[in-house]
N, C-alpha and C. Protein backbone atom coordinates (compact mmCIF):
# COMPACT_ATOMS: atom_id res chain seq x y z
N MET A 1 0.79 -1.16 0.06
CA MET A 1 0.03 0.02 -0.01
C MET A 1 0.94 1.20 -0.07
N THR A 2 0.32 2.24 -0.68
CA THR A 2 1.04 3.53 -0.74
C THR A 2 0.72 4.27 0.49
N ILE A 3 1.84 5.01 1.04
CA ILE A 3 1.79 5.79 2.10
C ILE A 3 1.75 7.41 1.61
N SER A 4 0.93 8.20 1.87
CA SER A 4 1.05 9.55 1.52
C SER A 4 1.06 10.46 2.77
N LEU A 5 1.96 11.42 2.81
CA LEU A 5 2.01 12.40 3.85
C LEU A 5 1.46 13.81 3.52
N HIS A 6 0.71 14.35 4.40
CA HIS A 6 0.00 15.54 4.10
C HIS A 6 0.24 16.73 5.12
N ASN A 7 0.72 17.90 4.69
CA ASN A 7 0.87 18.99 5.45
C ASN A 7 0.13 20.18 4.88
N PRO A 8 -0.97 20.45 5.33
CA PRO A 8 -1.74 21.54 4.85
C PRO A 8 -0.91 22.98 4.80
N ALA A 9 -0.83 23.69 3.74
CA ALA A 9 -0.17 25.06 3.74
C ALA A 9 -0.78 25.99 4.67
N SER A 10 -2.07 25.77 4.96
CA SER A 10 -2.87 26.75 5.84
C SER A 10 -2.50 26.69 7.35
N LEU A 11 -1.78 25.40 7.68
CA LEU A 11 -1.49 25.22 9.09
C LEU A 11 0.11 25.59 9.12
N ALA A 12 0.47 25.75 10.55
CA ALA A 12 1.89 26.00 10.85
C ALA A 12 2.60 24.98 10.32
N LYS A 13 3.87 25.33 9.73
CA LYS A 13 4.73 24.18 9.27
C LYS A 13 5.16 23.31 10.42
N PRO A 14 5.03 22.07 10.14
CA PRO A 14 5.41 20.98 11.12
C PRO A 14 6.90 20.88 11.10
N SER A 15 7.37 20.54 12.40
CA SER A 15 8.82 20.37 12.54
C SER A 15 8.94 18.95 13.45
N GLY A 16 9.36 18.00 12.74
CA GLY A 16 9.53 16.67 13.52
C GLY A 16 8.32 15.76 13.36
N PHE A 17 7.33 16.08 12.73
CA PHE A 17 6.13 15.32 12.53
C PHE A 17 5.48 15.81 11.22
N THR A 18 4.56 14.92 10.90
CA THR A 18 3.57 15.10 9.62
C THR A 18 2.13 15.34 10.22
N HIS A 19 1.38 16.29 9.57
CA HIS A 19 0.06 16.60 10.15
C HIS A 19 -0.87 15.31 9.88
N ALA A 20 -0.72 14.74 8.74
CA ALA A 20 -1.53 13.48 8.44
C ALA A 20 -0.92 12.59 7.61
N VAL A 21 -1.14 11.23 7.96
CA VAL A 21 -0.50 10.07 6.98
C VAL A 21 -1.59 9.16 6.72
N ARG A 22 -1.68 9.14 5.41
CA ARG A 22 -2.67 8.16 4.75
C ARG A 22 -2.00 6.98 4.22
N CYS A 23 -2.68 5.78 4.53
CA CYS A 23 -2.31 4.47 4.08
C CYS A 23 -3.63 3.79 3.72
N GLY A 24 -3.84 3.64 2.43
CA GLY A 24 -5.09 2.92 2.03
C GLY A 24 -6.37 3.74 2.32
N ASP A 25 -7.24 3.22 3.15
CA ASP A 25 -8.32 3.97 3.48
C ASP A 25 -8.32 4.55 4.92
N THR A 26 -7.20 4.57 5.46
CA THR A 26 -7.04 5.12 6.93
C THR A 26 -6.22 6.23 6.95
N VAL A 27 -6.54 7.33 7.83
CA VAL A 27 -5.67 8.43 7.85
C VAL A 27 -5.39 8.61 9.28
N TRP A 28 -4.09 8.72 9.82
CA TRP A 28 -3.62 8.93 11.16
C TRP A 28 -3.37 10.47 11.12
N LEU A 29 -3.88 11.02 12.13
CA LEU A 29 -3.85 12.42 12.27
C LEU A 29 -2.98 12.93 13.58
N SER A 30 -1.94 13.54 13.38
CA SER A 30 -1.15 13.97 14.47
C SER A 30 -1.82 14.91 15.48
N GLY A 31 -1.39 14.80 16.81
CA GLY A 31 -2.06 15.74 17.64
C GLY A 31 -1.92 17.10 17.25
N GLN A 32 -2.97 17.92 17.54
CA GLN A 32 -3.10 19.31 17.16
C GLN A 32 -3.42 20.12 18.26
N THR A 33 -2.71 21.19 18.60
CA THR A 33 -2.98 22.12 19.70
C THR A 33 -3.62 23.33 18.97
N ALA A 34 -3.85 24.42 19.72
CA ALA A 34 -4.63 25.58 19.05
C ALA A 34 -3.67 26.53 18.45
N LEU A 35 -2.74 25.91 17.65
CA LEU A 35 -1.71 26.91 16.96
C LEU A 35 -2.50 27.40 15.78
N ASP A 36 -2.40 28.78 15.51
CA ASP A 36 -2.84 29.42 14.42
C ASP A 36 -1.85 29.14 13.32
N ALA A 37 -2.00 29.74 12.04
CA ALA A 37 -1.18 29.56 10.88
C ALA A 37 0.30 30.19 11.18
N ASP A 38 0.34 31.20 12.10
CA ASP A 38 1.57 31.75 12.55
C ASP A 38 2.40 30.89 13.50
N GLY A 39 1.87 29.98 13.94
CA GLY A 39 2.43 29.07 15.03
C GLY A 39 2.36 29.63 16.42
N ARG A 40 1.30 30.31 16.63
CA ARG A 40 0.93 30.84 18.07
C ARG A 40 -0.30 30.31 18.52
N ILE A 41 -0.39 29.95 19.82
CA ILE A 41 -1.65 29.42 20.37
C ILE A 41 -2.60 30.57 20.48
N VAL A 42 -3.76 30.36 19.95
CA VAL A 42 -4.95 31.30 20.00
C VAL A 42 -5.34 31.80 21.34
N PRO A 43 -5.63 33.01 21.42
CA PRO A 43 -5.99 33.57 22.69
C PRO A 43 -7.42 33.12 23.17
N GLY A 44 -7.61 33.22 24.36
CA GLY A 44 -8.86 32.76 24.96
C GLY A 44 -8.81 31.61 25.72
N GLY A 45 -9.77 30.88 26.16
CA GLY A 45 -9.78 29.80 27.06
C GLY A 45 -9.95 28.54 26.21
N ILE A 46 -10.53 27.49 27.02
CA ILE A 46 -10.56 26.17 26.37
C ILE A 46 -11.40 26.07 25.22
N VAL A 47 -12.60 26.79 25.23
CA VAL A 47 -13.48 26.76 24.01
C VAL A 47 -12.83 27.19 22.70
N GLU A 48 -12.01 28.30 22.82
CA GLU A 48 -11.42 28.84 21.50
C GLU A 48 -10.22 27.93 21.24
N GLN A 49 -9.63 27.42 22.23
CA GLN A 49 -8.48 26.53 21.92
C GLN A 49 -9.03 25.09 21.29
N PHE A 50 -10.21 24.60 21.96
CA PHE A 50 -10.77 23.34 21.36
C PHE A 50 -11.06 23.50 19.82
N ARG A 51 -11.71 24.79 19.59
CA ARG A 51 -12.07 25.16 18.18
C ARG A 51 -10.95 25.19 17.27
N GLN A 52 -9.88 25.83 17.62
CA GLN A 52 -8.82 25.83 16.76
C GLN A 52 -8.10 24.44 16.70
N ALA A 53 -7.89 23.84 17.68
CA ALA A 53 -7.26 22.33 17.64
C ALA A 53 -8.11 21.43 16.84
N LEU A 54 -9.46 21.45 16.92
CA LEU A 54 -10.19 20.69 16.09
C LEU A 54 -10.20 21.05 14.66
N SER A 55 -10.30 22.39 14.43
CA SER A 55 -10.16 22.96 13.03
C SER A 55 -8.86 22.39 12.42
N ASN A 56 -7.78 22.41 13.27
CA ASN A 56 -6.47 21.94 12.55
C ASN A 56 -6.54 20.48 12.22
N VAL A 57 -7.24 19.57 13.12
CA VAL A 57 -7.25 18.22 12.91
C VAL A 57 -8.07 18.06 11.53
N VAL A 58 -9.26 18.77 11.41
CA VAL A 58 -10.26 18.60 10.32
C VAL A 58 -9.49 19.08 8.95
N THR A 59 -8.74 20.27 9.11
CA THR A 59 -8.14 20.74 7.92
C THR A 59 -7.07 19.61 7.38
N SER A 60 -6.30 18.95 8.39
CA SER A 60 -5.30 17.89 8.04
C SER A 60 -6.10 16.73 7.41
N LEU A 61 -7.32 16.28 7.85
CA LEU A 61 -8.01 15.28 7.25
C LEU A 61 -8.46 15.52 5.96
N ARG A 62 -9.03 16.70 5.64
CA ARG A 62 -9.45 17.17 4.44
C ARG A 62 -8.32 17.01 3.33
N GLU A 63 -7.10 17.58 3.84
CA GLU A 63 -5.99 17.62 2.91
C GLU A 63 -5.69 16.17 2.45
N ALA A 64 -5.93 15.13 3.46
CA ALA A 64 -5.68 13.79 3.08
C ALA A 64 -6.73 13.13 2.36
N GLY A 65 -7.82 13.93 1.94
CA GLY A 65 -8.85 13.27 1.25
C GLY A 65 -10.06 12.79 2.08
N GLY A 66 -10.04 13.09 3.34
CA GLY A 66 -11.03 12.59 4.27
C GLY A 66 -12.17 13.61 4.68
N ASP A 67 -13.05 13.09 5.49
CA ASP A 67 -14.25 13.84 5.84
C ASP A 67 -14.41 13.63 7.27
N PRO A 68 -14.65 14.69 8.17
CA PRO A 68 -14.53 14.51 9.57
C PRO A 68 -15.73 13.57 10.10
N ARG A 69 -16.80 13.41 9.30
CA ARG A 69 -17.87 12.56 9.75
C ARG A 69 -17.43 11.15 9.67
N LYS A 70 -16.22 10.78 9.31
CA LYS A 70 -15.68 9.46 9.18
C LYS A 70 -14.50 9.30 10.21
N PHE A 71 -14.54 10.16 11.28
CA PHE A 71 -13.54 9.96 12.30
C PHE A 71 -13.83 8.40 12.85
N LEU A 72 -12.85 7.68 13.16
CA LEU A 72 -12.97 6.42 13.75
C LEU A 72 -12.70 6.55 15.35
N SER A 73 -11.74 7.34 15.64
CA SER A 73 -11.31 7.55 17.08
C SER A 73 -10.81 8.92 17.14
N VAL A 74 -11.05 9.44 18.36
CA VAL A 74 -10.53 10.91 18.71
C VAL A 74 -10.01 10.86 20.27
N THR A 75 -8.70 11.35 20.33
CA THR A 75 -8.30 11.35 21.72
C THR A 75 -8.00 12.80 22.10
N ILE A 76 -8.54 13.21 23.16
CA ILE A 76 -8.35 14.69 23.51
C ILE A 76 -7.43 14.63 24.74
N TYR A 77 -6.46 15.37 24.84
CA TYR A 77 -5.45 15.50 25.99
C TYR A 77 -5.75 17.06 26.56
N LEU A 78 -6.03 16.86 27.81
CA LEU A 78 -6.45 18.12 28.49
C LEU A 78 -5.60 18.57 29.67
N THR A 79 -5.26 19.77 29.76
CA THR A 79 -4.44 20.14 31.00
C THR A 79 -5.34 20.58 32.16
N ASP A 80 -6.72 20.69 31.99
CA ASP A 80 -7.66 21.07 33.06
C ASP A 80 -8.92 20.51 32.73
N ILE A 81 -9.09 19.18 33.22
CA ILE A 81 -10.24 18.40 32.96
C ILE A 81 -11.65 19.25 33.48
N PRO A 82 -11.55 19.73 34.83
CA PRO A 82 -12.84 20.45 35.17
C PRO A 82 -13.22 21.70 34.35
N ASP A 83 -12.12 22.39 33.74
CA ASP A 83 -12.46 23.51 32.92
C ASP A 83 -13.17 23.04 31.63
N TYR A 84 -12.64 21.82 31.00
CA TYR A 84 -13.29 21.29 29.84
C TYR A 84 -14.74 20.85 30.16
N GLN A 85 -14.89 20.28 31.35
CA GLN A 85 -16.24 19.74 31.76
C GLN A 85 -17.13 20.98 31.95
N ALA A 86 -16.56 22.04 32.47
CA ALA A 86 -17.44 23.20 32.80
C ALA A 86 -17.96 23.96 31.51
N HIS A 87 -17.16 23.63 30.38
CA HIS A 87 -17.59 24.23 29.06
C HIS A 87 -18.10 23.33 28.25
N GLY A 88 -18.59 22.19 28.76
CA GLY A 88 -19.05 20.92 27.78
C GLY A 88 -20.02 21.44 26.75
N LYS A 89 -21.07 22.17 27.06
CA LYS A 89 -22.12 22.57 26.02
C LYS A 89 -21.41 23.31 24.90
N GLU A 90 -20.64 24.34 25.34
CA GLU A 90 -20.04 25.08 24.31
C GLU A 90 -19.05 24.11 23.35
N ILE A 91 -18.26 23.31 24.01
CA ILE A 91 -17.44 22.59 23.17
C ILE A 91 -18.19 21.55 22.33
N GLY A 92 -19.36 21.02 22.89
CA GLY A 92 -20.15 20.29 21.99
C GLY A 92 -20.86 20.87 20.82
N ALA A 93 -21.10 22.29 20.94
CA ALA A 93 -21.49 23.08 20.03
C ALA A 93 -20.50 23.17 18.89
N VAL A 94 -19.17 23.36 19.29
CA VAL A 94 -18.22 23.54 18.35
C VAL A 94 -17.97 22.24 17.56
N TRP A 95 -18.08 21.12 18.37
CA TRP A 95 -17.94 19.75 17.71
C TRP A 95 -18.99 19.69 16.67
N LYS A 96 -20.27 19.99 16.95
CA LYS A 96 -21.42 19.75 15.96
C LYS A 96 -21.25 20.74 14.73
N GLU A 97 -20.60 22.00 15.00
CA GLU A 97 -20.49 22.85 13.75
C GLU A 97 -19.41 22.38 13.01
N LEU A 98 -18.27 21.76 13.44
CA LEU A 98 -17.09 21.35 12.65
C LEU A 98 -17.10 19.99 12.19
N VAL A 99 -17.87 19.04 12.91
CA VAL A 99 -17.76 17.54 12.52
C VAL A 99 -19.24 17.04 12.25
N GLY A 100 -20.11 17.38 12.99
CA GLY A 100 -21.52 16.92 12.79
C GLY A 100 -22.12 16.27 14.16
N ARG A 101 -23.16 15.81 14.09
CA ARG A 101 -23.95 15.27 15.25
C ARG A 101 -23.37 14.06 15.91
N ASP A 102 -22.79 13.24 15.14
CA ASP A 102 -22.24 11.93 15.67
C ASP A 102 -20.92 12.02 16.22
N TYR A 103 -20.59 11.10 17.05
CA TYR A 103 -19.30 11.03 17.84
C TYR A 103 -18.77 9.65 17.52
N PRO A 104 -17.38 9.67 17.23
CA PRO A 104 -16.64 8.55 17.15
C PRO A 104 -16.27 7.86 18.42
N ALA A 105 -15.45 6.75 18.60
CA ALA A 105 -14.88 6.25 19.72
C ALA A 105 -14.05 7.47 20.33
N MET A 106 -14.07 7.84 21.50
CA MET A 106 -13.29 9.04 22.00
C MET A 106 -12.77 8.68 23.44
N THR A 107 -11.68 9.32 23.63
CA THR A 107 -10.94 9.14 24.95
C THR A 107 -10.48 10.67 25.26
N GLY A 108 -10.69 11.01 26.59
CA GLY A 108 -10.19 12.20 27.10
C GLY A 108 -9.08 11.86 28.14
N VAL A 109 -8.06 12.53 28.11
CA VAL A 109 -6.85 12.04 29.02
C VAL A 109 -6.40 13.46 29.73
N GLY A 110 -6.31 13.42 30.99
CA GLY A 110 -5.74 14.62 31.63
C GLY A 110 -4.18 14.46 31.78
N VAL A 111 -3.57 15.49 31.41
CA VAL A 111 -2.02 15.70 31.31
C VAL A 111 -1.56 16.77 32.24
N THR A 112 -0.28 16.71 32.54
CA THR A 112 0.14 17.71 33.23
C THR A 112 0.82 19.04 32.46
N GLY A 113 0.97 18.59 31.17
CA GLY A 113 1.35 19.72 30.29
C GLY A 113 1.44 19.25 28.77
N LEU A 114 1.41 20.16 27.79
CA LEU A 114 1.54 19.88 26.41
C LEU A 114 2.81 20.49 25.84
N TRP A 115 3.07 20.34 24.69
CA TRP A 115 4.35 20.78 24.16
C TRP A 115 4.39 22.23 24.17
N GLN A 116 3.32 23.10 23.79
CA GLN A 116 3.37 24.41 24.03
C GLN A 116 2.76 24.79 25.37
N THR A 117 3.54 25.50 26.28
CA THR A 117 3.08 25.55 27.67
C THR A 117 1.84 26.25 27.80
N GLU A 118 1.35 27.07 26.79
CA GLU A 118 0.08 27.74 26.92
C GLU A 118 -1.07 26.92 26.44
N ALA A 119 -0.85 25.77 25.81
CA ALA A 119 -1.89 25.04 25.25
C ALA A 119 -2.67 24.26 26.34
N LEU A 120 -3.93 24.24 26.02
CA LEU A 120 -4.96 23.69 27.11
C LEU A 120 -5.33 22.26 26.63
N VAL A 121 -5.34 22.10 25.37
CA VAL A 121 -6.06 20.91 24.68
C VAL A 121 -5.09 20.52 23.51
N GLU A 122 -5.10 19.28 23.31
CA GLU A 122 -4.42 18.67 22.10
C GLU A 122 -5.34 17.51 21.57
N ILE A 123 -5.56 17.45 20.33
CA ILE A 123 -6.65 16.46 19.68
C ILE A 123 -5.87 15.74 18.75
N GLN A 124 -5.92 14.48 18.82
CA GLN A 124 -5.45 13.34 17.86
C GLN A 124 -6.58 12.58 17.33
N ALA A 125 -6.40 12.07 16.13
CA ALA A 125 -7.56 11.31 15.50
C ALA A 125 -7.10 10.31 14.58
N VAL A 126 -7.90 9.36 14.25
CA VAL A 126 -7.78 8.32 13.20
C VAL A 126 -9.08 8.37 12.37
N ALA A 127 -9.06 8.39 11.04
CA ALA A 127 -10.23 8.44 10.26
C ALA A 127 -10.20 7.43 9.14
N SER A 128 -11.35 7.06 8.61
CA SER A 128 -11.54 6.29 7.49
C SER A 128 -11.82 7.24 6.27
N VAL A 129 -11.30 6.77 5.14
CA VAL A 129 -11.50 7.65 3.90
C VAL A 129 -12.23 6.73 2.93
């Protein structure tokens, strides 16, 4: 099977990783934080960061020929689980706006920190194409 690497021009240039790797009908999506195109974490709280991180994952998936309605699994790494839970309705609205009403297999993991110290959330996924 052919393996193809995908790095959307609209996202911050990756260093030491590839945004999306496609092999056959599966796409593995690298963890995305709330980096904007200039490589800075977006201002605001968890909802704004969730929106940017999920948007980055969706952009990577589309670059690889996929559709976010075909996510197989999503893992969300969080530095503050209670903050995420407190904004659950707003985060759910962002999910529905960017992905749709259905949810894939999902995991939320509390962590002590992420690569960018100001990042509150990182999202990693696998999708079918």
